[in-house]
Amino acid sequence: MKTMKWLLRREFWEHKGAMAWAPAIVGGLMVLLVATMAIYGAAQGKLTSNVTIVRDSGGTTTTVQPVPAEQLQMLAGSVSDMYMSAALPLILMMSVIAFFYCLASMHDERRDRSILFWKSLPVSDTQTVLSKVLTAAVVIPVIAVTAGILVSVLLLLIVGIIFAANGVNMFGMILSNQNFYLAPLRMIGLLPVYLVWALPTIGWLMMVSAWARSKVFLWAVGTPLILIGIVKWSDHLLQTGINVNWLAENVIARGLTGLIPGTWIPLSHVDPQALAGNHNFVAMGNLFYHSWMTLATPQALLGAAAGVAMIVTAIRLRRWKDEG
């Protein structure tokens, strides 16, 4: 256990810029941008209560009316349920970071010959590869989710203060709404689902990283795309009867897009209407429930098994492959 802890620390230290500094910088820029826009809007008088313009024979008079309580309650409910969507840019950035981390995970240590040093230590190939898998599947997502929660809460606080200062105070209704507290817990609760669906992509990228001498990205991404092109051309020419769409969806897309959160929804053919809450917005509660239900589908179970098999292959390749 102590060895694994130090291996995880090593991975974090070597990639601190991508794992820690990138989310911090992007999150800070998001907060700064939204705060600037909100302050500018308040200064321009665009964030005040509803304005009613009344025209009469004597001219035009403007009266300010408060926002109706029902409308405020509805708006506060939507904000409480959806404010975590502000973390989406950080979550998508996490996918890119994890993708290229997996691609370079074992190729770079062979390229700079640091593998000779690490192999001289009393650490097995299995432990080393598993530390990289845990980094991609757990450490990077946890950092991104934590940053996303902090940014979402800060943005909600900033916008709420600006609105309150201009006569529209929703803090009481938001804080009394249970979804305000459940939203970050649901985001954290989706991490196991993400782990299962990400295993095929992590396994494939690490297997290619352990095998390819160069051009790792082309081997990892180009090979599946060329394969699907050949299969489609062969089916068109020879009428082989191969279901190309099924192959593209359940093999190619499953193997290349697993690091993008939420891809399990279309891949499991979840009805989009089942995710909709009030006013046609995606309800986080529905998304959470149906995401966990996808773990019982063959796509999730078979994909996870394939991912584990490819991770085992990556361990074997790291153990025996030598650049010479």
C-alpha atoms as a PDB file:
ATOM      1  CA  MET A   1       0.000   0.000   0.000  1.00  0.00           C
ATOM      2  CA  LYS A   2       2.821   2.399   0.860  1.00  0.00           C
ATOM      3  CA  THR A   3       4.542   1.579  -2.438  1.00  0.00           C
ATOM      4  CA  MET A   4       1.391   2.361  -4.390  1.00  0.00           C
ATOM      5  CA  LYS A   5       1.018   5.658  -2.538  1.00  0.00           C
ATOM      6  CA  TRP A   6       4.516   6.724  -3.570  1.00  0.00           C
ATOM      7  CA  LEU A   7       3.969   5.581  -7.132  1.00  0.00           C
ATOM      8  CA  LEU A   8       0.821   7.719  -7.309  1.00  0.00           C
ATOM      9  CA  ARG A   9       2.752  10.658  -5.882  1.00  0.00           C
ATOM     10  CA  ARG A  10       5.415  10.141  -8.512  1.00  0.00           C
ATOM     11  CA  GLU A  11       2.823  10.292 -11.284  1.00  0.00           C
ATOM     12  CA  PHE A  12       1.335  13.453  -9.812  1.00  0.00           C
ATOM     13  CA  TRP A  13       4.700  15.161  -9.393  1.00  0.00           C
ATOM     14  CA  GLU A  14       5.737  14.339 -12.950  1.00  0.00           C
ATOM     15  CA  HIS A  15       2.475  15.690 -14.383  1.00  0.00           C
ATOM     16  CA  LYS A  16       1.597  18.384 -11.857  1.00  0.00           C
ATOM     17  CA  GLY A  17       1.258  21.019 -14.571  1.00  0.00           C
ATOM     18  CA  ALA A  18      -1.483  19.169 -16.435  1.00  0.00           C
ATOM     19  CA  MET A  19      -3.208  17.639 -13.415  1.00  0.00           C
ATOM     20  CA  ALA A  20      -3.198  20.557 -10.968  1.00  0.00           C
ATOM     21  CA  TRP A  21      -2.127  23.826 -12.559  1.00  0.00           C
ATOM     22  CA  ALA A  22      -4.239  23.529 -15.719  1.00  0.00           C
ATOM     23  CA  PRO A  23      -7.565  23.096 -13.835  1.00  0.00           C
ATOM     24  CA  ALA A  24      -6.571  25.843 -11.391  1.00  0.00           C
ATOM     25  CA  ILE A  25      -5.774  28.311 -14.178  1.00  0.00           C
ATOM     26  CA  VAL A  26      -8.865  27.490 -16.254  1.00  0.00           C
ATOM     27  CA  GLY A  27     -11.099  27.611 -13.176  1.00  0.00           C
ATOM     28  CA  GLY A  28      -9.627  30.958 -12.137  1.00  0.00           C
ATOM     29  CA  LEU A  29     -10.186  32.391 -15.603  1.00  0.00           C
ATOM     30  CA  MET A  30     -13.790  31.172 -15.570  1.00  0.00           C
ATOM     31  CA  VAL A  31     -14.466  32.842 -12.214  1.00  0.00           C
ATOM     32  CA  LEU A  32     -12.779  36.062 -13.345  1.00  0.00           C
ATOM     33  CA  LEU A  33     -14.718  36.143 -16.633  1.00  0.00           C
ATOM     34  CA  VAL A  34     -18.121  35.505 -15.058  1.00  0.00           C
ATOM     35  CA  ALA A  35     -17.459  37.995 -12.246  1.00  0.00           C
ATOM     36  CA  THR A  36     -16.443  40.647 -14.777  1.00  0.00           C
ATOM     37  CA  MET A  37     -19.537  40.030 -16.910  1.00  0.00           C
ATOM     38  CA  ALA A  38     -21.844  40.095 -13.885  1.00  0.00           C
ATOM     39  CA  ILE A  39     -20.347  43.316 -12.550  1.00  0.00           C
ATOM     40  CA  TYR A  40     -20.542  44.910 -15.987  1.00  0.00           C
ATOM     41  CA  GLY A  41     -24.170  43.840 -16.365  1.00  0.00           C
ATOM     42  CA  ALA A  42     -25.017  45.272 -12.941  1.00  0.00           C
ATOM     43  CA  ALA A  43     -23.271  48.540 -13.793  1.00  0.00           C
ATOM     44  CA  GLN A  44     -25.345  48.769 -16.982  1.00  0.00           C
ATOM     45  CA  GLY A  45     -28.547  48.196 -15.016  1.00  0.00           C
ATOM     46  CA  LYS A  46     -29.328  44.902 -16.740  1.00  0.00           C
ATOM     47  CA  LEU A  47     -29.652  42.779 -13.608  1.00  0.00           C
ATOM     48  CA  THR A  48     -32.426  44.662 -11.836  1.00  0.00           C
ATOM     49  CA  SER A  49     -35.945  43.464 -11.136  1.00  0.00           C
ATOM     50  CA  ASN A  50     -38.551  43.230 -13.853  1.00  0.00           C
ATOM     51  CA  VAL A  51     -39.249  46.591 -15.486  1.00  0.00           C
ATOM     52  CA  THR A  52     -42.695  47.513 -16.685  1.00  0.00           C
ATOM     53  CA  ILE A  53     -43.092  50.448 -19.103  1.00  0.00           C
ATOM     54  CA  VAL A  54     -46.447  52.197 -18.847  1.00  0.00           C
ATOM     55  CA  ARG A  55     -47.487  54.675 -21.559  1.00  0.00           C
ATOM     56  CA  ASP A  56     -50.148  57.287 -20.876  1.00  0.00           C
ATOM     57  CA  SER A  57     -51.300  60.545 -22.413  1.00  0.00           C
ATOM     58  CA  GLY A  58     -48.817  62.512 -20.373  1.00  0.00           C
ATOM     59  CA  GLY A  59     -45.814  60.573 -21.656  1.00  0.00           C
ATOM     60  CA  THR A  60     -43.966  57.481 -20.637  1.00  0.00           C
ATOM     61  CA  THR A  61     -43.318  56.464 -17.045  1.00  0.00           C
ATOM     62  CA  THR A  62     -41.270  53.519 -15.868  1.00  0.00           C
ATOM     63  CA  THR A  63     -42.197  51.568 -12.778  1.00  0.00           C
ATOM     64  CA  VAL A  64     -40.203  48.761 -11.230  1.00  0.00           C
ATOM     65  CA  GLN A  65     -42.074  45.681 -10.101  1.00  0.00           C
ATOM     66  CA  PRO A  66     -40.555  42.827  -8.092  1.00  0.00           C
ATOM     67  CA  VAL A  67     -40.050  39.456  -9.714  1.00  0.00           C
ATOM     68  CA  PRO A  68     -43.074  37.238  -8.979  1.00  0.00           C
ATOM     69  CA  ALA A  69     -42.460  34.754  -6.151  1.00  0.00           C
ATOM     70  CA  GLU A  70     -43.441  31.756  -8.288  1.00  0.00           C
ATOM     71  CA  GLN A  71     -40.994  32.750 -11.006  1.00  0.00           C
ATOM     72  CA  LEU A  72     -38.225  33.235  -8.451  1.00  0.00           C
ATOM     73  CA  GLN A  73     -38.948  29.841  -6.894  1.00  0.00           C
ATOM     74  CA  MET A  74     -38.840  28.157 -10.296  1.00  0.00           C
ATOM     75  CA  LEU A  75     -35.598  29.915 -11.199  1.00  0.00           C
ATOM     76  CA  ALA A  76     -34.012  29.010  -7.849  1.00  0.00           C
ATOM     77  CA  GLY A  77     -34.987  25.365  -8.346  1.00  0.00           C
ATOM     78  CA  SER A  78     -33.392  25.267 -11.787  1.00  0.00           C
ATOM     79  CA  VAL A  79     -30.236  26.939 -10.505  1.00  0.00           C
ATOM     80  CA  SER A  80     -30.007  24.525  -7.556  1.00  0.00           C
ATOM     81  CA  ASP A  81     -30.262  21.546  -9.868  1.00  0.00           C
ATOM     82  CA  MET A  82     -28.039  22.774 -12.687  1.00  0.00           C
ATOM     83  CA  TYR A  83     -25.356  25.023 -11.176  1.00  0.00           C
ATOM     84  CA  MET A  84     -22.825  22.167 -11.281  1.00  0.00           C
ATOM     85  CA  SER A  85     -22.979  22.327 -15.084  1.00  0.00           C
ATOM     86  CA  ALA A  86     -20.502  25.211 -14.738  1.00  0.00           C
ATOM     87  CA  ALA A  87     -17.887  22.500 -14.140  1.00  0.00           C
ATOM     88  CA  LEU A  88     -18.358  21.146 -17.676  1.00  0.00           C
ATOM     89  CA  PRO A  89     -15.296  22.920 -19.205  1.00  0.00           C
ATOM     90  CA  LEU A  90     -13.068  21.489 -16.468  1.00  0.00           C
ATOM     91  CA  ILE A  91     -14.551  18.020 -16.912  1.00  0.00           C
ATOM     92  CA  LEU A  92     -13.951  18.112 -20.669  1.00  0.00           C
ATOM     93  CA  MET A  93     -10.407  19.344 -20.089  1.00  0.00           C
ATOM     94  CA  MET A  94      -9.926  16.407 -17.730  1.00  0.00           C
ATOM     95  CA  SER A  95     -10.786  14.047 -20.589  1.00  0.00           C
ATOM     96  CA  VAL A  96      -8.099  15.554 -22.805  1.00  0.00           C
ATOM     97  CA  ILE A  97      -5.516  15.451 -20.010  1.00  0.00           C
ATOM     98  CA  ALA A  98      -6.296  11.813 -19.198  1.00  0.00           C
ATOM     99  CA  PHE A  99      -6.224  10.845 -22.887  1.00  0.00           C
ATOM    100  CA  PHE A 100      -2.747  12.196 -23.538  1.00  0.00           C
ATOM    101  CA  TYR A 101      -1.506  11.032 -20.137  1.00  0.00           C
ATOM    102  CA  CYS A 102      -2.444   7.453 -21.044  1.00  0.00           C
ATOM    103  CA  LEU A 103      -0.847   7.791 -24.472  1.00  0.00           C
ATOM    104  CA  ALA A 104       2.452   8.906 -22.958  1.00  0.00           C
ATOM    105  CA  SER A 105       2.293   6.796 -19.806  1.00  0.00           C
ATOM    106  CA  MET A 106       4.755   4.095 -20.903  1.00  0.00           C
ATOM    107  CA  HIS A 107       6.126   5.362 -24.182  1.00  0.00           C
ATOM    108  CA  ASP A 108       7.836   8.410 -22.678  1.00  0.00           C
ATOM    109  CA  GLU A 109       9.737   6.427 -20.057  1.00  0.00           C
ATOM    110  CA  ARG A 110      11.157   4.224 -22.796  1.00  0.00           C
ATOM    111  CA  ARG A 111      11.978   7.189 -25.000  1.00  0.00           C
ATOM    112  CA  ASP A 112      13.983   9.030 -22.315  1.00  0.00           C
ATOM    113  CA  ARG A 113      15.346   5.724 -20.941  1.00  0.00           C
ATOM    114  CA  SER A 114      14.085   6.498 -17.425  1.00  0.00           C
ATOM    115  CA  ILE A 115      12.530   3.040 -17.482  1.00  0.00           C
ATOM    116  CA  LEU A 116      15.999   1.642 -16.751  1.00  0.00           C
ATOM    117  CA  PHE A 117      16.057   3.571 -13.478  1.00  0.00           C
ATOM    118  CA  TRP A 118      12.541   2.569 -12.463  1.00  0.00           C
ATOM    119  CA  LYS A 119      13.191  -1.075 -13.282  1.00  0.00           C
ATOM    120  CA  SER A 120      16.228  -0.982 -10.997  1.00  0.00           C
ATOM    121  CA  LEU A 121      13.923  -0.250  -8.049  1.00  0.00           C
ATOM    122  CA  PRO A 122      12.102  -2.996  -6.121  1.00  0.00           C
ATOM    123  CA  VAL A 123       8.798  -2.132  -7.818  1.00  0.00           C
ATOM    124  CA  SER A 124       7.011  -4.600 -10.069  1.00  0.00           C
ATOM    125  CA  ASP A 125       5.669  -3.799 -13.524  1.00  0.00           C
ATOM    126  CA  THR A 126       2.189  -4.627 -12.259  1.00  0.00           C
ATOM    127  CA  GLN A 127       2.405  -2.008  -9.514  1.00  0.00           C
ATOM    128  CA  THR A 128       3.800   0.596 -11.893  1.00  0.00           C
ATOM    129  CA  VAL A 129       1.129   0.096 -14.540  1.00  0.00           C
ATOM    130  CA  LEU A 130      -1.672  -0.055 -11.965  1.00  0.00           C
ATOM    131  CA  SER A 131      -0.473   3.251 -10.496  1.00  0.00           C
ATOM    132  CA  LYS A 132      -0.810   4.777 -13.961  1.00  0.00           C
ATOM    133  CA  VAL A 133      -4.283   3.264 -14.381  1.00  0.00           C
ATOM    134  CA  LEU A 134      -5.378   4.651 -11.003  1.00  0.00           C
ATOM    135  CA  THR A 135      -3.945   8.037 -11.904  1.00  0.00           C
ATOM    136  CA  ALA A 136      -5.957   8.180 -15.144  1.00  0.00           C
ATOM    137  CA  ALA A 137      -9.139   6.637 -13.749  1.00  0.00           C
ATOM    138  CA  VAL A 138      -9.231   8.095 -10.234  1.00  0.00           C
ATOM    139  CA  VAL A 139      -6.667  10.812  -9.460  1.00  0.00           C
ATOM    140  CA  ILE A 140      -7.240  13.019 -12.519  1.00  0.00           C
ATOM    141  CA  PRO A 141     -11.086  12.786 -12.293  1.00  0.00           C
ATOM    142  CA  VAL A 142     -11.070  13.495  -8.541  1.00  0.00           C
ATOM    143  CA  ILE A 143      -8.921  16.605  -9.049  1.00  0.00           C
ATOM    144  CA  ALA A 144     -11.151  17.795 -11.912  1.00  0.00           C
ATOM    145  CA  VAL A 145     -14.385  17.160  -9.989  1.00  0.00           C
ATOM    146  CA  THR A 146     -13.036  18.935  -6.904  1.00  0.00           C
ATOM    147  CA  ALA A 147     -11.998  21.928  -9.002  1.00  0.00           C
ATOM    148  CA  GLY A 148     -15.351  21.861 -10.794  1.00  0.00           C
ATOM    149  CA  ILE A 149     -17.308  21.892  -7.526  1.00  0.00           C
ATOM    150  CA  LEU A 150     -15.271  24.796  -6.146  1.00  0.00           C
ATOM    151  CA  VAL A 151     -15.643  26.808  -9.367  1.00  0.00           C
ATOM    152  CA  SER A 152     -19.392  26.121  -9.583  1.00  0.00           C
ATOM    153  CA  VAL A 153     -19.985  27.229  -5.983  1.00  0.00           C
ATOM    154  CA  LEU A 154     -17.858  30.363  -6.471  1.00  0.00           C
ATOM    155  CA  LEU A 155     -19.700  31.283  -9.669  1.00  0.00           C
ATOM    156  CA  LEU A 156     -23.067  30.754  -7.987  1.00  0.00           C
ATOM    157  CA  LEU A 157     -21.959  32.890  -5.041  1.00  0.00           C
ATOM    158  CA  ILE A 158     -20.666  35.722  -7.255  1.00  0.00           C
ATOM    159  CA  VAL A 159     -23.738  35.835  -9.484  1.00  0.00           C
ATOM    160  CA  GLY A 160     -26.038  35.524  -6.455  1.00  0.00           C
ATOM    161  CA  ILE A 161     -24.387  38.450  -4.694  1.00  0.00           C
ATOM    162  CA  ILE A 162     -24.616  40.620  -7.804  1.00  0.00           C
ATOM    163  CA  PHE A 163     -28.300  39.785  -8.258  1.00  0.00           C
ATOM    164  CA  ALA A 164     -29.035  40.327  -4.553  1.00  0.00           C
ATOM    165  CA  ALA A 165     -27.387  43.731  -4.705  1.00  0.00           C
ATOM    166  CA  ASN A 166     -29.791  44.598  -7.525  1.00  0.00           C
ATOM    167  CA  GLY A 167     -32.971  43.493  -5.796  1.00  0.00           C
ATOM    168  CA  VAL A 168     -33.236  39.827  -6.793  1.00  0.00           C
ATOM    169  CA  ASN A 169     -32.285  37.708  -3.780  1.00  0.00           C
ATOM    170  CA  MET A 170     -32.521  33.950  -4.299  1.00  0.00           C
ATOM    171  CA  PHE A 171     -30.061  32.761  -1.650  1.00  0.00           C
ATOM    172  CA  GLY A 172     -32.755  31.673   0.792  1.00  0.00           C
ATOM    173  CA  MET A 173     -34.632  29.603  -1.795  1.00  0.00           C
ATOM    174  CA  ILE A 174     -31.440  28.060  -3.176  1.00  0.00           C
ATOM    175  CA  LEU A 175     -30.052  27.126   0.236  1.00  0.00           C
ATOM    176  CA  SER A 176     -33.378  25.567   1.240  1.00  0.00           C
ATOM    177  CA  ASN A 177     -33.474  23.424  -1.912  1.00  0.00           C
ATOM    178  CA  GLN A 178     -32.138  19.891  -1.389  1.00  0.00           C
ATOM    179  CA  ASN A 179     -30.737  19.738  -4.918  1.00  0.00           C
ATOM    180  CA  PHE A 180     -28.216  22.427  -4.006  1.00  0.00           C
ATOM    181  CA  TYR A 181     -26.558  19.943  -1.631  1.00  0.00           C
ATOM    182  CA  LEU A 182     -27.198  16.825  -3.701  1.00  0.00           C
ATOM    183  CA  ALA A 183     -25.682  18.175  -6.939  1.00  0.00           C
ATOM    184  CA  PRO A 184     -22.003  17.945  -5.858  1.00  0.00           C
ATOM    185  CA  LEU A 185     -22.627  14.604  -4.138  1.00  0.00           C
ATOM    186  CA  ARG A 186     -24.129  13.233  -7.351  1.00  0.00           C
ATOM    187  CA  MET A 187     -21.120  14.434  -9.324  1.00  0.00           C
ATOM    188  CA  ILE A 188     -18.810  12.634  -6.909  1.00  0.00           C
ATOM    189  CA  GLY A 189     -21.081   9.598  -6.988  1.00  0.00           C
ATOM    190  CA  LEU A 190     -20.655   9.319 -10.768  1.00  0.00           C
ATOM    191  CA  LEU A 191     -16.911   8.656 -10.430  1.00  0.00           C
ATOM    192  CA  PRO A 192     -17.350   4.837 -10.142  1.00  0.00           C
ATOM    193  CA  VAL A 193     -19.504   4.887 -13.278  1.00  0.00           C
ATOM    194  CA  TYR A 194     -16.808   6.875 -15.052  1.00  0.00           C
ATOM    195  CA  LEU A 195     -14.159   4.385 -13.930  1.00  0.00           C
ATOM    196  CA  VAL A 196     -16.005   1.416 -15.436  1.00  0.00           C
ATOM    197  CA  TRP A 197     -16.722   3.133 -18.737  1.00  0.00           C
ATOM    198  CA  ALA A 198     -13.208   4.560 -19.012  1.00  0.00           C
ATOM    199  CA  LEU A 199     -11.425   1.203 -18.603  1.00  0.00           C
ATOM    200  CA  PRO A 200     -11.491   0.197 -22.315  1.00  0.00           C
ATOM    201  CA  THR A 201     -10.001   3.512 -23.435  1.00  0.00           C
ATOM    202  CA  ILE A 202      -7.393   3.506 -20.664  1.00  0.00           C
ATOM    203  CA  GLY A 203      -6.467  -0.090 -21.469  1.00  0.00           C
ATOM    204  CA  TRP A 204      -6.224   0.537 -25.219  1.00  0.00           C
ATOM    205  CA  LEU A 205      -4.152   3.710 -24.921  1.00  0.00           C
ATOM    206  CA  MET A 206      -1.759   2.188 -22.392  1.00  0.00           C
ATOM    207  CA  MET A 207      -1.368  -0.977 -24.413  1.00  0.00           C
ATOM    208  CA  VAL A 208      -0.446   1.065 -27.492  1.00  0.00           C
ATOM    209  CA  SER A 209       1.833   3.254 -25.359  1.00  0.00           C
ATOM    210  CA  ALA A 210       3.673   0.158 -24.128  1.00  0.00           C
ATOM    211  CA  TRP A 211       3.972  -1.311 -27.632  1.00  0.00           C
ATOM    212  CA  ALA A 212       4.545   1.524 -30.138  1.00  0.00           C
ATOM    213  CA  ARG A 213       8.099   2.709 -30.802  1.00  0.00           C
ATOM    214  CA  SER A 214       6.903   6.066 -32.157  1.00  0.00           C
ATOM    215  CA  LYS A 215       3.830   7.899 -33.491  1.00  0.00           C
ATOM    216  CA  VAL A 216       1.763   6.692 -30.540  1.00  0.00           C
ATOM    217  CA  PHE A 217      -1.200   8.951 -31.326  1.00  0.00           C
ATOM    218  CA  LEU A 218      -1.413   7.716 -34.917  1.00  0.00           C
ATOM    219  CA  TRP A 219      -1.307   4.094 -33.813  1.00  0.00           C
ATOM    220  CA  ALA A 220      -3.896   4.605 -31.077  1.00  0.00           C
ATOM    221  CA  VAL A 221      -6.370   6.718 -33.051  1.00  0.00           C
ATOM    222  CA  GLY A 222      -5.502   6.092 -36.693  1.00  0.00           C
ATOM    223  CA  THR A 223      -5.533   2.290 -36.512  1.00  0.00           C
ATOM    224  CA  PRO A 224      -9.167   1.969 -35.325  1.00  0.00           C
ATOM    225  CA  LEU A 225     -10.363   4.567 -37.825  1.00  0.00           C
ATOM    226  CA  ILE A 226      -8.534   2.908 -40.706  1.00  0.00           C
ATOM    227  CA  LEU A 227      -9.897  -0.462 -39.570  1.00  0.00           C
ATOM    228  CA  ILE A 228     -13.480   0.745 -39.617  1.00  0.00           C
ATOM    229  CA  GLY A 229     -12.874   2.284 -43.047  1.00  0.00           C
ATOM    230  CA  ILE A 230     -11.515  -1.023 -44.401  1.00  0.00           C
ATOM    231  CA  VAL A 231     -14.413  -2.995 -42.929  1.00  0.00           C
ATOM    232  CA  LYS A 232     -16.942  -0.578 -44.399  1.00  0.00           C
ATOM    233  CA  TRP A 233     -15.271  -0.670 -47.812  1.00  0.00           C
ATOM    234  CA  SER A 234     -15.123  -4.480 -47.728  1.00  0.00           C
ATOM    235  CA  ASP A 235     -18.778  -4.716 -46.767  1.00  0.00           C
ATOM    236  CA  HIS A 236     -19.738  -2.369 -49.581  1.00  0.00           C
ATOM    237  CA  LEU A 237     -17.608  -4.223 -52.129  1.00  0.00           C
ATOM    238  CA  LEU A 238     -18.054  -7.853 -51.048  1.00  0.00           C
ATOM    239  CA  GLN A 239     -21.407  -7.652 -49.286  1.00  0.00           C
ATOM    240  CA  THR A 240     -19.972  -9.397 -46.207  1.00  0.00           C
ATOM    241  CA  GLY A 241     -22.991  -8.562 -44.083  1.00  0.00           C
ATOM    242  CA  ILE A 242     -20.886  -7.122 -41.257  1.00  0.00           C
ATOM    243  CA  ASN A 243     -22.788  -4.631 -39.122  1.00  0.00           C
ATOM    244  CA  VAL A 244     -20.404  -1.721 -39.553  1.00  0.00           C
ATOM    245  CA  ASN A 245     -22.484   0.646 -37.431  1.00  0.00           C
ATOM    246  CA  TRP A 246     -22.454  -1.792 -34.508  1.00  0.00           C
ATOM    247  CA  LEU A 247     -18.696  -2.208 -34.843  1.00  0.00           C
ATOM    248  CA  ALA A 248     -18.139   1.554 -34.966  1.00  0.00           C
ATOM    249  CA  GLU A 249     -20.346   2.185 -31.946  1.00  0.00           C
ATOM    250  CA  ASN A 250     -19.473  -0.704 -29.645  1.00  0.00           C
ATOM    251  CA  VAL A 251     -15.805  -1.178 -30.476  1.00  0.00           C
ATOM    252  CA  ILE A 252     -14.284   1.943 -32.006  1.00  0.00           C
ATOM    253  CA  ALA A 253     -16.318   4.602 -30.189  1.00  0.00           C
ATOM    254  CA  ARG A 254     -16.277   2.567 -26.990  1.00  0.00           C
ATOM    255  CA  GLY A 255     -12.510   2.292 -27.136  1.00  0.00           C
ATOM    256  CA  LEU A 256     -11.719   5.903 -27.998  1.00  0.00           C
ATOM    257  CA  THR A 257     -14.336   7.979 -26.177  1.00  0.00           C
ATOM    258  CA  GLY A 258     -14.512   6.270 -22.787  1.00  0.00           C
ATOM    259  CA  LEU A 259     -12.604   9.086 -21.097  1.00  0.00           C
ATOM    260  CA  ILE A 260     -15.347  11.586 -21.961  1.00  0.00           C
ATOM    261  CA  PRO A 261     -17.911  11.626 -19.129  1.00  0.00           C
ATOM    262  CA  GLY A 262     -21.472  10.989 -20.197  1.00  0.00           C
ATOM    263  CA  THR A 263     -20.720   8.923 -23.284  1.00  0.00           C
ATOM    264  CA  TRP A 264     -22.345   6.003 -21.482  1.00  0.00           C
ATOM    265  CA  ILE A 265     -25.735   7.637 -22.057  1.00  0.00           C
ATOM    266  CA  PRO A 266     -25.790   7.385 -25.891  1.00  0.00           C
ATOM    267  CA  LEU A 267     -23.770   4.148 -25.925  1.00  0.00           C
ATOM    268  CA  SER A 268     -26.356   2.534 -23.624  1.00  0.00           C
ATOM    269  CA  HIS A 269     -29.206   3.973 -25.706  1.00  0.00           C
ATOM    270  CA  VAL A 270     -30.808   5.749 -22.762  1.00  0.00           C
ATOM    271  CA  ASP A 271     -33.917   7.632 -23.848  1.00  0.00           C
ATOM    272  CA  PRO A 272     -33.093  11.378 -23.668  1.00  0.00           C
ATOM    273  CA  GLN A 273     -36.641  12.024 -22.469  1.00  0.00           C
ATOM    274  CA  ALA A 274     -35.893   9.946 -19.383  1.00  0.00           C
ATOM    275  CA  LEU A 275     -33.249  12.485 -18.372  1.00  0.00           C
ATOM    276  CA  ALA A 276     -35.484  15.532 -18.727  1.00  0.00           C
ATOM    277  CA  GLY A 277     -36.852  17.224 -15.656  1.00  0.00           C
ATOM    278  CA  ASN A 278     -39.064  20.260 -15.445  1.00  0.00           C
ATOM    279  CA  HIS A 279     -38.994  22.683 -18.382  1.00  0.00           C
ATOM    280  CA  ASN A 280     -37.086  20.197 -20.576  1.00  0.00           C
ATOM    281  CA  PHE A 281     -33.773  20.638 -18.724  1.00  0.00           C
ATOM    282  CA  VAL A 282     -31.653  17.621 -17.873  1.00  0.00           C
ATOM    283  CA  ALA A 283     -32.368  16.734 -14.249  1.00  0.00           C
ATOM    284  CA  MET A 284     -29.234  15.735 -12.340  1.00  0.00           C
ATOM    285  CA  GLY A 285     -31.208  13.205 -10.324  1.00  0.00           C
ATOM    286  CA  ASN A 286     -32.398  11.445 -13.475  1.00  0.00           C
ATOM    287  CA  LEU A 287     -28.913  11.593 -14.987  1.00  0.00           C
ATOM    288  CA  PHE A 288     -27.415  10.090 -11.835  1.00  0.00           C
ATOM    289  CA  TYR A 289     -29.968   7.256 -11.694  1.00  0.00           C
ATOM    290  CA  HIS A 290     -29.733   6.271 -15.354  1.00  0.00           C
ATOM    291  CA  SER A 291     -25.929   6.532 -15.323  1.00  0.00           C
ATOM    292  CA  TRP A 292     -25.717   3.942 -12.571  1.00  0.00           C
ATOM    293  CA  MET A 293     -28.268   1.756 -14.388  1.00  0.00           C
ATOM    294  CA  THR A 294     -25.926   1.597 -17.411  1.00  0.00           C
ATOM    295  CA  LEU A 295     -23.500  -0.520 -15.342  1.00  0.00           C
ATOM    296  CA  ALA A 296     -25.907  -3.435 -15.753  1.00  0.00           C
ATOM    297  CA  THR A 297     -25.695  -3.293 -19.560  1.00  0.00           C
ATOM    298  CA  PRO A 298     -23.532  -5.666 -21.641  1.00  0.00           C
ATOM    299  CA  GLN A 299     -21.691  -2.691 -23.138  1.00  0.00           C
ATOM    300  CA  ALA A 300     -20.392  -1.663 -19.718  1.00  0.00           C
ATOM    301  CA  LEU A 301     -19.487  -5.152 -18.474  1.00  0.00           C
ATOM    302  CA  LEU A 302     -17.877  -6.429 -21.676  1.00  0.00           C
ATOM    303  CA  GLY A 303     -16.062  -3.155 -22.210  1.00  0.00           C
ATOM    304  CA  ALA A 304     -14.653  -3.216 -18.670  1.00  0.00           C
ATOM    305  CA  ALA A 305     -13.506  -6.813 -19.170  1.00  0.00           C
ATOM    306  CA  ALA A 306     -11.792  -5.850 -22.430  1.00  0.00           C
ATOM    307  CA  GLY A 307     -10.162  -2.896 -20.680  1.00  0.00           C
ATOM    308  CA  VAL A 308      -8.764  -5.143 -17.932  1.00  0.00           C
ATOM    309  CA  ALA A 309      -7.421  -7.566 -20.563  1.00  0.00           C
ATOM    310  CA  MET A 310      -5.637  -4.741 -22.378  1.00  0.00           C
ATOM    311  CA  ILE A 311      -4.183  -3.445 -19.099  1.00  0.00           C
ATOM    312  CA  VAL A 312      -2.806  -6.929 -18.389  1.00  0.00           C
ATOM    313  CA  THR A 313      -1.320  -6.927 -21.904  1.00  0.00           C
ATOM    314  CA  ALA A 314       0.277  -3.544 -21.223  1.00  0.00           C
ATOM    315  CA  ILE A 315       1.881  -4.960 -18.079  1.00  0.00           C
ATOM    316  CA  ARG A 316       3.314  -7.859 -20.078  1.00  0.00           C
ATOM    317  CA  LEU A 317       4.588  -5.545 -22.800  1.00  0.00           C
ATOM    318  CA  ARG A 318       6.286  -3.285 -20.276  1.00  0.00           C
ATOM    319  CA  ARG A 319       7.928  -6.293 -18.686  1.00  0.00           C
ATOM    320  CA  TRP A 320       9.405  -7.745 -21.871  1.00  0.00           C
ATOM    321  CA  LYS A 321       9.602  -5.005 -24.493  1.00  0.00           C
ATOM    322  CA  ASP A 322      12.966  -3.328 -25.038  1.00  0.00           C
ATOM    323  CA  GLU A 323      13.757  -0.549 -27.470  1.00  0.00           C
ATOM    324  CA  GLY A 324      17.281  -1.950 -28.042  1.00  0.00           C
END
